[in-house]
Structure formats: structure tokens, C-alpha cells
C-alpha atoms as a PDB file:
ATOM      1  CA  MET A   1     -61.336  70.147 -36.237  1.00  0.00           C
ATOM      2  CA  SER A   2     -59.412  69.935 -39.467  1.00  0.00           C
ATOM      3  CA  MET A   3     -56.737  72.305 -38.190  1.00  0.00           C
ATOM      4  CA  PHE A   4     -56.360  70.310 -34.944  1.00  0.00           C
ATOM      5  CA  TYR A   5     -56.005  67.044 -36.890  1.00  0.00           C
ATOM      6  CA  VAL A   6     -53.335  68.594 -39.158  1.00  0.00           C
ATOM      7  CA  ALA A   7     -51.432  69.819 -36.113  1.00  0.00           C
ATOM      8  CA  ARG A   8     -51.571  66.349 -34.446  1.00  0.00           C
ATOM      9  CA  ARG A   9     -50.445  64.657 -37.641  1.00  0.00           C
ATOM     10  CA  ALA A  10     -47.587  67.108 -38.022  1.00  0.00           C
ATOM     11  CA  ALA A  11     -46.519  66.462 -34.451  1.00  0.00           C
ATOM     12  CA  PHE A  12     -46.535  62.676 -34.991  1.00  0.00           C
ATOM     13  CA  SER A  13     -44.587  63.052 -38.199  1.00  0.00           C
ATOM     14  CA  VAL A  14     -41.854  64.987 -36.428  1.00  0.00           C
ATOM     15  CA  ALA A  15     -41.686  62.738 -33.320  1.00  0.00           C
ATOM     16  CA  PRO A  16     -40.335  59.565 -35.073  1.00  0.00           C
ATOM     17  CA  LYS A  17     -37.443  61.561 -36.541  1.00  0.00           C
ATOM     18  CA  ALA A  18     -36.583  62.930 -33.123  1.00  0.00           C
ATOM     19  CA  PHE A  19     -36.846  59.446 -31.595  1.00  0.00           C
ATOM     20  CA  ILE A  20     -34.664  57.949 -34.317  1.00  0.00           C
ATOM     21  CA  GLY A  21     -32.071  60.674 -33.750  1.00  0.00           C
ATOM     22  CA  LEU A  22     -32.069  60.026 -30.005  1.00  0.00           C
ATOM     23  CA  LYS A  23     -31.774  56.249 -30.605  1.00  0.00           C
ATOM     24  CA  HIS A  24     -28.738  56.725 -32.878  1.00  0.00           C
ATOM     25  CA  GLN A  25     -27.154  58.968 -30.268  1.00  0.00           C
ATOM     26  CA  ARG A  26     -27.590  56.287 -27.543  1.00  0.00           C
ATOM     27  CA  LEU A  27     -26.111  53.594 -29.816  1.00  0.00           C
ATOM     28  CA  ILE A  28     -23.076  55.731 -30.486  1.00  0.00           C
ATOM     29  CA  VAL A  29     -22.560  56.375 -26.766  1.00  0.00           C
ATOM     30  CA  SER A  30     -23.012  52.661 -25.953  1.00  0.00           C
ATOM     31  CA  ALA A  31     -20.553  51.541 -28.655  1.00  0.00           C
ATOM     32  CA  THR A  32     -17.991  54.107 -27.503  1.00  0.00           C
ATOM     33  CA  ALA A  33     -18.319  52.908 -23.880  1.00  0.00           C
ATOM     34  CA  SER A  34     -17.926  49.239 -24.900  1.00  0.00           C
ATOM     35  CA  ALA A  35     -14.819  50.007 -26.927  1.00  0.00           C
ATOM     36  CA  PHE A  36     -13.334  51.937 -24.014  1.00  0.00           C
ATOM     37  CA  GLN A  37     -14.019  49.110 -21.540  1.00  0.00           C
ATOM     38  CA  SER A  38     -12.483  46.538 -23.889  1.00  0.00           C
ATOM     39  CA  CYS A  39      -9.391  48.667 -24.276  1.00  0.00           C
ATOM     40  CA  CYS A  40      -9.102  49.083 -20.511  1.00  0.00           C
ATOM     41  CA  ARG A  41      -9.318  45.307 -19.989  1.00  0.00           C
ATOM     42  CA  LYS A  42      -6.530  44.705 -22.508  1.00  0.00           C
ATOM     43  CA  GLU A  43      -4.320  47.306 -20.857  1.00  0.00           C
ATOM     44  CA  THR A  44      -5.001  45.809 -17.406  1.00  0.00           C
ATOM     45  CA  ILE A  45      -3.975  42.323 -18.583  1.00  0.00           C
ATOM     46  CA  LYS A  46      -0.796  43.754 -20.172  1.00  0.00           C
ATOM     47  CA  GLU A  47       0.105  45.556 -16.944  1.00  0.00           C
ATOM     48  CA  THR A  48      -0.477  42.404 -14.732  1.00  0.00           C
ATOM     49  CA  PRO A  49       1.740  39.591 -16.124  1.00  0.00           C
ATOM     50  CA  TRP A  50       1.150  37.465 -12.967  1.00  0.00           C
ATOM     51  CA  VAL A  51      -2.265  36.485 -14.354  1.00  0.00           C
ATOM     52  CA  SER A  52      -0.748  34.634 -17.319  1.00  0.00           C
ATOM     53  CA  SER A  53       2.344  33.353 -15.434  1.00  0.00           C
ATOM     54  CA  ARG A  54       0.485  31.824 -12.445  1.00  0.00           C
ATOM     55  CA  ALA A  55       0.047  28.460 -14.185  1.00  0.00           C
ATOM     56  CA  ALA A  56       3.696  28.404 -15.270  1.00  0.00           C
ATOM     57  CA  THR A  57       4.816  29.139 -11.709  1.00  0.00           C
ATOM     58  CA  SER A  58       2.685  26.275 -10.356  1.00  0.00           C
ATOM     59  CA  VAL A  59       4.201  23.851 -12.886  1.00  0.00           C
ATOM     60  CA  ALA A  60       7.706  24.994 -11.977  1.00  0.00           C
ATOM     61  CA  VAL A  61       7.077  24.461  -8.242  1.00  0.00           C
ATOM     62  CA  TYR A  62       5.497  21.037  -8.936  1.00  0.00           C
ATOM     63  CA  THR A  63       8.474  19.955 -11.087  1.00  0.00           C
ATOM     64  CA  LYS A  64      11.026  21.186  -8.565  1.00  0.00           C
ATOM     65  CA  SER A  65       9.247  19.363  -5.730  1.00  0.00           C
ATOM     66  CA  ASN A  66       9.273  16.094  -7.698  1.00  0.00           C
ATOM     67  CA  GLU A  67      12.945  16.500  -8.573  1.00  0.00           C
ATOM     68  CA  ASN A  68      13.835  17.014  -4.907  1.00  0.00           C
ATOM     69  CA  LEU A  69      11.834  13.951  -3.876  1.00  0.00           C
ATOM     70  CA  VAL A  70      13.434  11.778  -6.559  1.00  0.00           C
ATOM     71  CA  LYS A  71      16.897  12.945  -5.443  1.00  0.00           C
ATOM     72  CA  MET A  72      16.117  12.036  -1.826  1.00  0.00           C
ATOM     73  CA  LEU A  73      14.891   8.585  -2.878  1.00  0.00           C
ATOM     74  CA  GLU A  74      18.051   8.019  -4.936  1.00  0.00           C
ATOM     75  CA  ASP A  75      20.173   8.966  -1.911  1.00  0.00           C
ATOM     76  CA  GLU A  76      18.181   6.588   0.290  1.00  0.00           C
ATOM     77  CA  ILE A  77      18.641   3.724  -2.201  1.00  0.00           C
ATOM     78  CA  GLN A  78      22.381   4.345  -2.405  1.00  0.00           C
ATOM     79  CA  CYS A  79      22.635   4.502   1.383  1.00  0.00           C
ATOM     80  CA  ALA A  80      20.767   1.184   1.693  1.00  0.00           C
ATOM     81  CA  PHE A  81      23.159  -0.497  -0.732  1.00  0.00           C
ATOM     82  CA  GLU A  82      26.242   0.916   0.991  1.00  0.00           C
ATOM     83  CA  SER A  83      25.287   0.494   4.653  1.00  0.00           C
ATOM     84  CA  ASP A  84      23.453  -2.845   4.641  1.00  0.00           C
ATOM     85  CA  PRO A  85      23.371  -4.431   1.187  1.00  0.00           C
ATOM     86  CA  PRO A  86      21.247  -7.544   0.622  1.00  0.00           C
ATOM     87  CA  THR A  87      22.800 -10.771  -0.604  1.00  0.00           C
ATOM     88  CA  GLU A  88      21.475 -13.120  -3.249  1.00  0.00           C
ATOM     89  CA  ASP A  89      21.093 -15.954  -0.754  1.00  0.00           C
ATOM     90  CA  PRO A  90      22.164 -15.963   2.918  1.00  0.00           C
ATOM     91  CA  LYS A  91      23.154 -19.617   2.575  1.00  0.00           C
ATOM     92  CA  PRO A  92      24.047 -21.854  -0.384  1.00  0.00           C
ATOM     93  CA  PRO A  93      21.147 -23.649  -2.135  1.00  0.00           C
ATOM     94  CA  GLY A  94      20.337 -27.077  -0.745  1.00  0.00           C
ATOM     95  CA  THR A  95      21.129 -26.133   2.847  1.00  0.00           C
ATOM     96  CA  ILE A  96      17.629 -27.187   3.854  1.00  0.00           C
ATOM     97  CA  PRO A  97      15.404 -29.737   2.058  1.00  0.00           C
ATOM     98  CA  TRP A  98      12.670 -27.218   1.249  1.00  0.00           C
ATOM     99  CA  GLU A  99      11.422 -25.583  -1.911  1.00  0.00           C
ATOM    100  CA  ILE A 100      11.283 -21.838  -1.268  1.00  0.00           C
ATOM    101  CA  GLU A 101       8.710 -19.575  -2.924  1.00  0.00           C
ATOM    102  CA  ASP A 102       9.693 -15.945  -2.469  1.00  0.00           C
ATOM    103  CA  MET A 103       8.053 -13.237  -4.587  1.00  0.00           C
ATOM    104  CA  LEU A 104       9.416  -9.702  -4.385  1.00  0.00           C
ATOM    105  CA  GLY A 105       6.729  -7.396  -3.005  1.00  0.00           C
ATOM    106  CA  ASN A 106       5.175 -10.014  -0.692  1.00  0.00           C
ATOM    107  CA  GLN A 107       5.839 -10.080   3.044  1.00  0.00           C
ATOM    108  CA  ALA A 108       5.488 -13.838   3.421  1.00  0.00           C
ATOM    109  CA  VAL A 109       7.756 -16.602   2.175  1.00  0.00           C
ATOM    110  CA  ILE A 110       6.348 -20.070   1.481  1.00  0.00           C
ATOM    111  CA  LEU A 111       8.242 -23.320   2.026  1.00  0.00           C
ATOM    112  CA  ARG A 112       7.116 -26.684   0.655  1.00  0.00           C
ATOM    113  CA  ARG A 113       8.335 -30.247   0.972  1.00  0.00           C
ATOM    114  CA  LYS A 114       7.161 -33.846   0.881  1.00  0.00           C
ATOM    115  CA  HIS A 115       7.353 -36.231   3.826  1.00  0.00           C
ATOM    116  CA  GLY A 116       6.171 -39.696   2.846  1.00  0.00           C
ATOM    117  CA  ASN A 117       2.544 -39.253   1.709  1.00  0.00           C
ATOM    118  CA  GLU A 118       2.300 -35.847   3.370  1.00  0.00           C
ATOM    119  CA  ASP A 119       2.465 -32.399   1.774  1.00  0.00           C
ATOM    120  CA  ILE A 120       3.990 -29.871   4.159  1.00  0.00           C
ATOM    121  CA  LYS A 121       3.577 -26.141   3.612  1.00  0.00           C
ATOM    122  CA  VAL A 122       5.088 -23.442   5.814  1.00  0.00           C
ATOM    123  CA  GLU A 123       4.175 -19.759   5.509  1.00  0.00           C
ATOM    124  CA  VAL A 124       6.864 -17.591   7.080  1.00  0.00           C
ATOM    125  CA  MET A 125       6.526 -14.031   8.365  1.00  0.00           C
ATOM    126  CA  SER A 126       9.289 -11.960   9.918  1.00  0.00           C
ATOM    127  CA  GLY A 127       8.962 -11.379  13.680  1.00  0.00           C
ATOM    128  CA  ASP A 128       9.295  -7.960  15.334  1.00  0.00           C
ATOM    129  CA  MET A 129      12.510  -7.205  17.138  1.00  0.00           C
ATOM    130  CA  GLY A 130      11.524  -6.032  20.614  1.00  0.00           C
ATOM    131  CA  GLY A 131       7.989  -5.218  19.517  1.00  0.00           C
ATOM    132  CA  GLU A 132       6.306  -7.025  22.412  1.00  0.00           C
ATOM    133  CA  GLU A 133       5.554  -5.492  25.777  1.00  0.00           C
ATOM    134  CA  GLU A 134       8.183  -6.054  28.429  1.00  0.00           C
ATOM    135  CA  GLU A 135       7.388  -8.394  31.312  1.00  0.00           C
ATOM    136  CA  GLU A 136       8.621  -8.165  34.879  1.00  0.00           C
ATOM    137  CA  ASP A 137      10.341 -11.526  34.578  1.00  0.00           C
ATOM    138  CA  SER A 138      13.900 -11.182  33.206  1.00  0.00           C
ATOM    139  CA  ASP A 139      13.539 -14.333  31.109  1.00  0.00           C
ATOM    140  CA  SER A 140      10.514 -12.817  29.422  1.00  0.00           C
ATOM    141  CA  ASP A 141      12.499  -9.643  28.676  1.00  0.00           C
ATOM    142  CA  ILE A 142      15.164 -11.677  26.915  1.00  0.00           C
ATOM    143  CA  ALA A 143      12.579 -13.614  24.913  1.00  0.00           C
ATOM    144  CA  SER A 144      10.770 -10.406  23.886  1.00  0.00           C
ATOM    145  CA  VAL A 145      13.844  -8.996  22.091  1.00  0.00           C
ATOM    146  CA  GLU A 146      15.053 -12.307  20.647  1.00  0.00           C
ATOM    147  CA  SER A 147      14.998 -12.615  16.886  1.00  0.00           C
ATOM    148  CA  HIS A 148      12.128 -14.825  15.773  1.00  0.00           C
ATOM    149  CA  VAL A 149       9.888 -15.765  12.866  1.00  0.00           C
ATOM    150  CA  TYR A 150       6.219 -16.675  12.686  1.00  0.00           C
ATOM    151  CA  LEU A 151       5.300 -19.981  11.059  1.00  0.00           C
ATOM    152  CA  ASN A 152       1.971 -21.250   9.790  1.00  0.00           C
ATOM    153  CA  VAL A 153       2.494 -24.975   9.178  1.00  0.00           C
ATOM    154  CA  THR A 154      -0.059 -27.116   7.356  1.00  0.00           C
ATOM    155  CA  ILE A 155       0.318 -30.884   6.929  1.00  0.00           C
ATOM    156  CA  SER A 156      -2.080 -32.510   4.482  1.00  0.00           C
ATOM    157  CA  LYS A 157      -2.622 -35.893   2.860  1.00  0.00           C
ATOM    158  CA  GLY A 158      -4.255 -35.319  -0.484  1.00  0.00           C
ATOM    159  CA  GLU A 159      -7.334 -33.091  -0.782  1.00  0.00           C
ATOM    160  CA  GLY A 160      -8.873 -34.050   2.562  1.00  0.00           C
ATOM    161  CA  PRO A 161      -8.541 -32.593   6.072  1.00  0.00           C
ATOM    162  CA  PHE A 162      -5.244 -31.256   7.360  1.00  0.00           C
ATOM    163  CA  LEU A 163      -3.405 -30.275  10.512  1.00  0.00           C
ATOM    164  CA  GLU A 164      -2.496 -26.640  11.069  1.00  0.00           C
ATOM    165  CA  PHE A 165       0.124 -25.404  13.534  1.00  0.00           C
ATOM    166  CA  ILE A 166       0.697 -21.748  14.436  1.00  0.00           C
ATOM    167  CA  CYS A 167       4.283 -21.514  15.667  1.00  0.00           C
ATOM    168  CA  THR A 168       6.956 -19.037  16.666  1.00  0.00           C
ATOM    169  CA  GLY A 169      10.507 -20.028  15.793  1.00  0.00           C
ATOM    170  CA  TYR A 170      13.351 -18.861  18.019  1.00  0.00           C
ATOM    171  CA  ALA A 171      17.072 -19.571  17.896  1.00  0.00           C
ATOM    172  CA  LYS A 172      16.879 -22.557  20.271  1.00  0.00           C
ATOM    173  CA  GLU A 173      13.265 -23.698  20.107  1.00  0.00           C
ATOM    174  CA  VAL A 174      10.053 -23.744  18.135  1.00  0.00           C
ATOM    175  CA  SER A 175       7.000 -22.998  20.245  1.00  0.00           C
ATOM    176  CA  ILE A 176       3.524 -24.118  19.216  1.00  0.00           C
ATOM    177  CA  ASP A 177       1.083 -21.290  19.921  1.00  0.00           C
ATOM    178  CA  ALA A 178      -1.992 -23.074  18.549  1.00  0.00           C
ATOM    179  CA  MET A 179      -3.027 -26.067  16.492  1.00  0.00           C
ATOM    180  CA  ALA A 180      -6.182 -27.186  14.711  1.00  0.00           C
ATOM    181  CA  PHE A 181      -7.592 -30.050  12.691  1.00  0.00           C
ATOM    182  CA  LYS A 182      -9.370 -28.516   9.713  1.00  0.00           C
ATOM    183  CA  HIS A 183     -11.422 -29.533   6.714  1.00  0.00           C
ATOM    184  CA  PRO A 184     -11.155 -27.820   3.322  1.00  0.00           C
ATOM    185  CA  GLN A 185     -13.711 -25.038   2.946  1.00  0.00           C
ATOM    186  CA  LYS A 186     -16.655 -25.758   0.655  1.00  0.00           C
ATOM    187  CA  ASN A 187     -18.463 -23.046  -1.281  1.00  0.00           C
ATOM    188  CA  THR A 188     -21.951 -23.853  -0.004  1.00  0.00           C
ATOM    189  CA  SER A 189     -24.344 -21.672   1.962  1.00  0.00           C
ATOM    190  CA  ASP A 190     -24.959 -24.388   4.565  1.00  0.00           C
ATOM    191  CA  GLU A 191     -21.237 -24.782   5.284  1.00  0.00           C
ATOM    192  CA  GLY A 192     -20.796 -21.012   5.540  1.00  0.00           C
ATOM    193  CA  ASP A 193     -23.313 -20.828   8.408  1.00  0.00           C
ATOM    194  CA  ARG A 194     -21.418 -23.365  10.500  1.00  0.00           C
ATOM    195  CA  ILE A 195     -18.514 -22.657  12.852  1.00  0.00           C
ATOM    196  CA  PRO A 196     -16.369 -25.803  12.993  1.00  0.00           C
ATOM    197  CA  TYR A 197     -14.666 -27.008  16.152  1.00  0.00           C
ATOM    198  CA  ASP A 198     -10.931 -27.001  15.422  1.00  0.00           C
ATOM    199  CA  GLY A 199      -9.768 -28.388  18.756  1.00  0.00           C
ATOM    200  CA  PRO A 200      -8.892 -27.313  22.305  1.00  0.00           C
ATOM    201  CA  ASP A 201      -6.400 -24.652  23.304  1.00  0.00           C
ATOM    202  CA  PHE A 202      -2.917 -26.094  22.838  1.00  0.00           C
ATOM    203  CA  ASN A 203      -1.816 -25.081  26.338  1.00  0.00           C
ATOM    204  CA  ASP A 204      -4.767 -27.017  27.785  1.00  0.00           C
ATOM    205  CA  LEU A 205      -3.456 -30.279  26.348  1.00  0.00           C
ATOM    206  CA  ASP A 206      -1.596 -32.735  28.540  1.00  0.00           C
ATOM    207  CA  GLU A 207       2.087 -31.831  28.801  1.00  0.00           C
ATOM    208  CA  SER A 208       3.225 -35.188  27.403  1.00  0.00           C
ATOM    209  CA  LEU A 209       0.912 -34.710  24.392  1.00  0.00           C
ATOM    210  CA  GLN A 210       2.366 -31.245  23.821  1.00  0.00           C
ATOM    211  CA  LYS A 211       5.886 -32.722  23.778  1.00  0.00           C
ATOM    212  CA  ALA A 212       4.772 -35.437  21.346  1.00  0.00           C
ATOM    213  CA  LEU A 213       3.355 -32.818  18.964  1.00  0.00           C
ATOM    214  CA  HIS A 214       6.598 -30.836  19.140  1.00  0.00           C
ATOM    215  CA  LYS A 215       8.421 -34.040  18.193  1.00  0.00           C
ATOM    216  CA  TYR A 216       5.918 -34.608  15.379  1.00  0.00           C
ATOM    217  CA  LEU A 217       6.908 -31.262  13.868  1.00  0.00           C
ATOM    218  CA  GLU A 218      10.615 -31.766  14.519  1.00  0.00           C
ATOM    219  CA  VAL A 219      10.629 -35.031  12.540  1.00  0.00           C
ATOM    220  CA  ARG A 220       9.131 -33.096   9.619  1.00  0.00           C
ATOM    221  CA  GLY A 221      11.853 -30.457   9.702  1.00  0.00           C
ATOM    222  CA  ILE A 222      10.189 -27.782  11.838  1.00  0.00           C
ATOM    223  CA  LYS A 223      13.039 -27.212  14.277  1.00  0.00           C
ATOM    224  CA  PRO A 224      15.595 -24.556  15.337  1.00  0.00           C
ATOM    225  CA  VAL A 225      17.952 -25.373  12.456  1.00  0.00           C
ATOM    226  CA  LEU A 226      15.195 -24.252  10.079  1.00  0.00           C
ATOM    227  CA  THR A 227      14.102 -21.203  12.072  1.00  0.00           C
ATOM    228  CA  ASN A 228      17.697 -19.951  12.415  1.00  0.00           C
ATOM    229  CA  TYR A 229      18.071 -20.169   8.658  1.00  0.00           C
ATOM    230  CA  LEU A 230      14.723 -18.435   8.159  1.00  0.00           C
ATOM    231  CA  SER A 231      15.678 -15.634  10.556  1.00  0.00           C
ATOM    232  CA  GLU A 232      18.689 -14.824   8.391  1.00  0.00           C
ATOM    233  CA  TYR A 233      16.657 -15.263   5.243  1.00  0.00           C
ATOM    234  CA  MET A 234      13.905 -12.897   6.385  1.00  0.00           C
ATOM    235  CA  ILE A 235      16.396 -10.236   7.496  1.00  0.00           C
ATOM    236  CA  ASN A 236      17.940 -10.368   4.034  1.00  0.00           C
ATOM    237  CA  LYS A 237      14.465 -10.290   2.460  1.00  0.00           C
ATOM    238  CA  GLU A 238      13.623  -7.175   4.455  1.00  0.00           C
ATOM    239  CA  ARG A 239      16.667  -5.446   2.911  1.00  0.00           C
ATOM    240  CA  LYS A 240      15.582  -6.463  -0.582  1.00  0.00           C
ATOM    241  CA  GLU A 241      11.988  -5.382   0.010  1.00  0.00           C
ATOM    242  CA  ASN A 242      13.097  -2.017   1.392  1.00  0.00           C
ATOM    243  CA  ILE A 243      15.233  -1.236  -1.667  1.00  0.00           C
ATOM    244  CA  ASN A 244      12.540  -2.500  -4.029  1.00  0.00           C
ATOM    245  CA  TRP A 245       9.957  -0.276  -2.309  1.00  0.00           C
ATOM    246  CA  LEU A 246      12.190   2.785  -2.658  1.00  0.00           C
ATOM    247  CA  LYS A 247      12.793   2.040  -6.340  1.00  0.00           C
ATOM    248  CA  THR A 248       9.076   1.517  -6.989  1.00  0.00           C
ATOM    249  CA  VAL A 249       8.144   4.846  -5.380  1.00  0.00           C
ATOM    250  CA  LYS A 250      10.936   6.632  -7.299  1.00  0.00           C
ATOM    251  CA  GLU A 251       9.749   5.190 -10.627  1.00  0.00           C
ATOM    252  CA  TYR A 252       6.173   6.235  -9.850  1.00  0.00           C
ATOM    253  CA  ILE A 253       7.205   9.828  -9.055  1.00  0.00           C
ATOM    254  CA  GLU A 254       9.243  10.036 -12.262  1.00  0.00           C
ATOM    255  CA  LYS A 255       6.306   9.054 -14.511  1.00  0.00           C
END
């Protein structure tokens, strides 16, 4: 028994040394492999410069694209100034008895004036040239391509109710498309649930009443003399807005 125990003990005493030797051998192999792989990765990166230059190429393409776009916008601005330049004012100040509010960047122009105890406000929008569908009637075809402006006329007396006219102004006439008698909106829940009656369809009114309402507007300055002026004014405004839009986009791209 004693000899068998000695032999077992001797075997166990030798085994740890062998295990430790094997462990050191594996560590050496593992470290050598890791060093080799790291070296290979470095060599691969050195031999493939496109990996590090991809970002630089993207920036170069982005910059070149912006430069081309800016150049095209500059050419468009120059062309607009040379081919159809806007003027400061199509007619001298004081041509019409209206105060004009025109802010660059807005489509609409606002006109204001006093008439006795009335405050008159006109919102003006440019009409489309030939944008309407053609009719079989030749007179309708002519009217569809005629230069015109859209007018939203409000006539008020103080803070109370007011008259509103939706009109289209042509070279020789101002047509009333609709009219309404309105009350100022109140910020209450009860008022918001109600749909007020603004009046009948304008074309359903008696013909003599329609003529009287046209005269009512004419006396207050809503007539062809005004709409002809506004047609020129809005054409000139369109030129200014177009150039301003091009400049704004160019400045944004250059930032």
C-alpha cells in the first residue's frame, strides 16, 4: 500500500509541471498568432488606401456639387436681371390714393385707404395667365388668357361687422365673384360651433342690385384704373420675388 501511495504521489507531483509546461507553450503560440494577425491587419490597411480616402472623396464630391449649384443660381440671377429686370415702382408714388403694404417674400399685397368713416382694405393676389380651362365660347377664351388680379375687399366701420367682396380685376372691368356680410370672430366655444349665414350667392341677386353693388365699389376706388395699375405692380413684384427667391436659395447653399 505504501509503495502504491508513493507512486501516486510521485505521479501527481510530476503532472503539474507537465501541465504548466503545456500551458506556457499554448500562451506562446497564442501570443505569436495575435501578433501575426495584428501585423497582417496593418499591412492590409497600408495596401488599401481607399479605406482612409473614402470620406475625403465624399467631401470633395459634396463640395463640387454645391459649387456647381451655386454657379447655376448665380447665372439664373444674372439672366433675370438682364432679360426682365424689376423696377423700383411701375408708376410714380401718389398715382392712386392707397397706402401699399408690400413685404418681400409674401405673395399678397395689401392696400388700405379711408373713405369717410369707412376703413377699406384690399388684399391683392396675382392672377394666372391662361391658367383656366378653355371654353367653347370665343369670348370666354379671350377672358381666360386676359391679365387679371384677385381682390379681397373688406369695408368696415370701426370694430363691428363688415362687408367682404371677392373680386377679379380685369383691364376693363371688376367682376364681383362673391360678397358677404360678416361679424368679427370671437374666441368662444359657442361661437365656434355656429356656421353664420353670410348672404345669398351674388349671381342670385337681382341684376339691378348687382349693378348698384358694383357702383358701391367703384365709388370707393375699386375700378379698372386700380386693377390695371395692380396688374403692372404684381408683374413687377413677381420679378422681384423670383430674384429674391434665387438669392435666398443661393445663400442657403453657401452656408
